[in-house]
C-alpha atoms as a PDB file:
ATOM      1  CA  MET A   1      74.366 -12.300  96.509  1.00  0.00           C
ATOM      2  CA  LEU A   2      74.050 -13.153  92.675  1.00  0.00           C
ATOM      3  CA  LEU A   3      75.015  -8.984  92.100  1.00  0.00           C
ATOM      4  CA  GLN A   4      78.168  -9.441  95.145  1.00  0.00           C
ATOM      5  CA  LEU A   5      79.786 -12.315  92.915  1.00  0.00           C
ATOM      6  CA  VAL A   6      79.039 -10.539  89.326  1.00  0.00           C
ATOM      7  CA  SER A   7      81.488  -7.008  91.230  1.00  0.00           C
ATOM      8  CA  VAL A   8      83.938  -9.990  92.783  1.00  0.00           C
ATOM      9  CA  GLY A   9      83.903 -11.607  88.890  1.00  0.00           C
ATOM     10  CA  GLY A  10      84.331  -7.903  87.277  1.00  0.00           C
ATOM     11  CA  ILE A  11      87.234  -6.935  89.829  1.00  0.00           C
ATOM     12  CA  ALA A  12      89.167 -10.566  89.399  1.00  0.00           C
ATOM     13  CA  LEU A  13      89.385  -9.733  84.798  1.00  0.00           C
ATOM     14  CA  ILE A  14      91.026  -6.369  85.489  1.00  0.00           C
ATOM     15  CA  VAL A  15      92.874  -7.570  88.138  1.00  0.00           C
ATOM     16  CA  ALA A  16      93.974 -10.675  85.425  1.00  0.00           C
ATOM     17  CA  LEU A  17      93.774  -8.328  82.756  1.00  0.00           C
ATOM     18  CA  VAL A  18      96.159  -6.022  84.474  1.00  0.00           C
ATOM     19  CA  TRP A  19      98.444  -8.445  85.050  1.00  0.00           C
ATOM     20  CA  LEU A  20      98.331  -9.917  81.467  1.00  0.00           C
ATOM     21  CA  VAL A  21      99.412  -6.598  79.718  1.00  0.00           C
ATOM     22  CA  PHE A  22     102.467  -5.438  82.055  1.00  0.00           C
ATOM     23  CA  ARG A  23     104.092  -9.225  83.620  1.00  0.00           C
ATOM     24  CA  GLU A  24     106.294  -8.532  80.985  1.00  0.00           C
ATOM     25  CA  GLY A  25     108.521  -6.272  82.179  1.00  0.00           C
ATOM     26  CA  SER A  26     110.723  -4.086  80.087  1.00  0.00           C
ATOM     27  CA  PRO A  27     112.603  -4.987  76.658  1.00  0.00           C
ATOM     28  CA  PRO A  28     116.023  -5.649  77.696  1.00  0.00           C
ATOM     29  CA  LEU A  29     118.581  -3.572  76.515  1.00  0.00           C
ATOM     30  CA  ASP A  30     121.552  -3.293  74.567  1.00  0.00           C
ATOM     31  CA  ARG A  31     125.104  -3.045  75.340  1.00  0.00           C
ATOM     32  CA  ARG A  32     125.225   0.509  73.761  1.00  0.00           C
ATOM     33  CA  GLU A  33     122.230   1.853  74.759  1.00  0.00           C
ATOM     34  CA  ALA A  34     122.648   0.714  78.344  1.00  0.00           C
ATOM     35  CA  ILE A  35     125.963   2.632  77.932  1.00  0.00           C
ATOM     36  CA  ALA A  36     124.566   5.878  76.437  1.00  0.00           C
ATOM     37  CA  ARG A  37     121.904   5.819  78.713  1.00  0.00           C
ATOM     38  CA  ALA A  38     124.705   5.580  81.887  1.00  0.00           C
ATOM     39  CA  ASP A  39     126.742   8.976  80.227  1.00  0.00           C
ATOM     40  CA  HIS A  40     123.750  10.569  79.585  1.00  0.00           C
ATOM     41  CA  ASP A  41     122.227  10.427  82.657  1.00  0.00           C
ATOM     42  CA  LEU A  42     125.965  10.652  84.961  1.00  0.00           C
ATOM     43  CA  PRO A  43     127.921  13.365  84.792  1.00  0.00           C
ATOM     44  CA  GLY A  44     131.548  12.205  83.926  1.00  0.00           C
ATOM     45  CA  PHE A  45     130.586   8.773  83.507  1.00  0.00           C
ATOM     46  CA  SER A  46     132.291   6.918  80.633  1.00  0.00           C
ATOM     47  CA  GLY A  47     130.974   3.291  80.234  1.00  0.00           C
ATOM     48  CA  GLU A  48     133.088   0.685  79.071  1.00  0.00           C
ATOM     49  CA  GLU A  49     131.476  -2.473  79.430  1.00  0.00           C
ATOM     50  CA  ALA A  50     127.894  -3.624  80.413  1.00  0.00           C
ATOM     51  CA  LEU A  51     125.633  -5.988  81.341  1.00  0.00           C
ATOM     52  CA  CYS A  52     122.537  -6.253  80.213  1.00  0.00           C
ATOM     53  CA  GLY A  53     119.526  -8.493  81.878  1.00  0.00           C
ATOM     54  CA  MET A  54     116.434  -9.645  80.127  1.00  0.00           C
ATOM     55  CA  SER A  55     114.455  -7.518  82.514  1.00  0.00           C
ATOM     56  CA  GLY A  56     115.261  -4.136  80.730  1.00  0.00           C
ATOM     57  CA  GLY A  57     118.079  -3.614  83.777  1.00  0.00           C
ATOM     58  CA  ALA A  58     121.882  -3.318  83.506  1.00  0.00           C
ATOM     59  CA  LEU A  59     125.483  -2.866  84.888  1.00  0.00           C
ATOM     60  CA  VAL A  60     127.985  -0.408  83.085  1.00  0.00           C
ATOM     61  CA  ALA A  61     130.949   0.143  83.995  1.00  0.00           C
ATOM     62  CA  ASP A  62     133.448   3.058  83.857  1.00  0.00           C
ATOM     63  CA  ALA A  63     137.724   3.261  83.582  1.00  0.00           C
ATOM     64  CA  GLY A  64     137.559   4.770  87.388  1.00  0.00           C
ATOM     65  CA  GLY A  65     135.659   1.630  88.529  1.00  0.00           C
ATOM     66  CA  ARG A  66     132.488   3.014  89.568  1.00  0.00           C
ATOM     67  CA  ILE A  67     130.031   0.861  88.195  1.00  0.00           C
ATOM     68  CA  ALA A  68     126.380   2.954  86.670  1.00  0.00           C
ATOM     69  CA  LEU A  69     123.105   0.527  88.241  1.00  0.00           C
ATOM     70  CA  LEU A  70     120.265   1.489  85.824  1.00  0.00           C
ATOM     71  CA  LYS A  71     116.271  -0.530  86.258  1.00  0.00           C
ATOM     72  CA  PRO A  72     113.349  -0.096  84.348  1.00  0.00           C
ATOM     73  CA  HIS A  73     110.235   2.045  86.893  1.00  0.00           C
ATOM     74  CA  GLY A  74     107.301   1.800  84.938  1.00  0.00           C
ATOM     75  CA  ASP A  75     108.142   3.367  81.209  1.00  0.00           C
ATOM     76  CA  HIS A  76     111.151   5.006  82.242  1.00  0.00           C
ATOM     77  CA  LEU A  77     115.008   3.692  83.274  1.00  0.00           C
ATOM     78  CA  SER A  78     116.361   5.009  86.583  1.00  0.00           C
ATOM     79  CA  VAL A  79     120.031   5.006  86.855  1.00  0.00           C
ATOM     80  CA  ARG A  80     122.502   5.376  89.951  1.00  0.00           C
ATOM     81  CA  LEU A  81     125.812   4.879  91.431  1.00  0.00           C
ATOM     82  CA  ALA A  82     126.640   1.643  93.150  1.00  0.00           C
ATOM     83  CA  GLY A  83     127.492   3.384  95.813  1.00  0.00           C
ATOM     84  CA  PRO A  84     127.500   4.148  99.797  1.00  0.00           C
ATOM     85  CA  GLY A  85     125.056   1.688 101.613  1.00  0.00           C
ATOM     86  CA  ALA A  86     124.679  -0.991  98.673  1.00  0.00           C
ATOM     87  CA  ALA A  87     125.422  -4.113  98.575  1.00  0.00           C
ATOM     88  CA  VAL A  88     125.675  -7.744  96.256  1.00  0.00           C
ATOM     89  CA  VAL A  89     123.910 -10.909  96.952  1.00  0.00           C
ATOM     90  CA  ARG A  90     125.594 -13.215  94.095  1.00  0.00           C
ATOM     91  CA  ASP A  91     122.649 -16.164  94.037  1.00  0.00           C
ATOM     92  CA  GLY A  92     124.861 -18.733  90.994  1.00  0.00           C
ATOM     93  CA  SER A  93     124.217 -16.589  88.501  1.00  0.00           C
ATOM     94  CA  VAL A  94     122.316 -14.137  89.565  1.00  0.00           C
ATOM     95  CA  LEU A  95     123.733 -10.720  91.328  1.00  0.00           C
ATOM     96  CA  ILE A  96     121.696  -9.160  93.315  1.00  0.00           C
ATOM     97  CA  VAL A  97     122.193  -5.670  93.969  1.00  0.00           C
ATOM     98  CA  ARG A  98     119.917  -4.048  96.917  1.00  0.00           C
ATOM     99  CA  THR A  99     120.622   0.370  97.125  1.00  0.00           C
ATOM    100  CA  PRO A 100     120.002   2.129 100.556  1.00  0.00           C
ATOM    101  CA  GLU A 101     117.549   4.421  97.594  1.00  0.00           C
ATOM    102  CA  ARG A 102     113.843   2.968  98.947  1.00  0.00           C
ATOM    103  CA  MET A 103     112.035   4.462  95.338  1.00  0.00           C
ATOM    104  CA  PHE A 104     115.159   2.480  93.028  1.00  0.00           C
ATOM    105  CA  GLY A 105     115.415  -0.676  95.703  1.00  0.00           C
ATOM    106  CA  THR A 106     116.813  -3.679  94.342  1.00  0.00           C
ATOM    107  CA  LEU A 107     118.129  -4.614  91.220  1.00  0.00           C
ATOM    108  CA  ARG A 108     118.504  -8.328  89.998  1.00  0.00           C
ATOM    109  CA  LEU A 109     120.283  -9.682  87.086  1.00  0.00           C
ATOM    110  CA  ASP A 110     121.613 -12.666  85.682  1.00  0.00           C
ATOM    111  CA  ALA A 111     125.221 -12.188  84.358  1.00  0.00           C
ATOM    112  CA  GLY A 112     125.295 -16.116  83.362  1.00  0.00           C
ATOM    113  CA  ASP A 113     128.984 -17.021  83.217  1.00  0.00           C
ATOM    114  CA  ARG A 114     130.607 -13.757  84.212  1.00  0.00           C
ATOM    115  CA  ALA A 115     128.784 -13.299  87.560  1.00  0.00           C
ATOM    116  CA  GLY A 116     131.887 -13.355  89.694  1.00  0.00           C
ATOM    117  CA  ASP A 117     133.509 -10.816  87.248  1.00  0.00           C
ATOM    118  CA  TRP A 118     130.707  -8.419  87.753  1.00  0.00           C
ATOM    119  CA  GLU A 119     130.098  -9.422  91.528  1.00  0.00           C
ATOM    120  CA  ALA A 120     134.266  -8.647  92.695  1.00  0.00           C
ATOM    121  CA  LYS A 121     133.628  -4.708  90.603  1.00  0.00           C
ATOM    122  CA  LEU A 122     129.944  -4.215  92.059  1.00  0.00           C
ATOM    123  CA  ARG A 123     131.938  -4.550  95.223  1.00  0.00           C
ATOM    124  CA  LYS A 124     135.375  -3.288  94.744  1.00  0.00           C
ATOM    125  CA  ALA A 125     133.003   0.544  93.491  1.00  0.00           C
ATOM    126  CA  ILE A 126     130.657   0.336  96.220  1.00  0.00           C
ATOM    127  CA  ASP A 127     134.196  -0.182  98.732  1.00  0.00           C
ATOM    128  CA  GLY A 128     135.365   2.786  97.234  1.00  0.00           C
ATOM    129  CA  ALA A 129     132.212   5.103  97.629  1.00  0.00           C
ATOM    130  CA  ALA A 130     131.921   4.778 100.507  1.00  0.00           C
END
């Protein structure tokens, strides 16, 4: 019985340490970094405006109305265009962008007082790409 308790306690300690180390997520991107990353990863994309979240994710808009979605995945950043099959939901100032790509998943960003503007841009980009 004591051996089982020690084993369970050890596992709980390891889980707690991993949670403490990795709970913070990725550091936030700044506007220039987000635009540069979208421009680099998406051929023909030229970002003009960015919305950066505190969790390391971002939205970048180009002059043509396309929106790049930037989402941290572990120690790298995945970049995709908002397009067919994507959906945006607004919960107060938080934008939730769901993509059909299972590995990319859902992106959540607090857009503050610009949530309405970015929601409209996302809807237009998604509808225009269909």
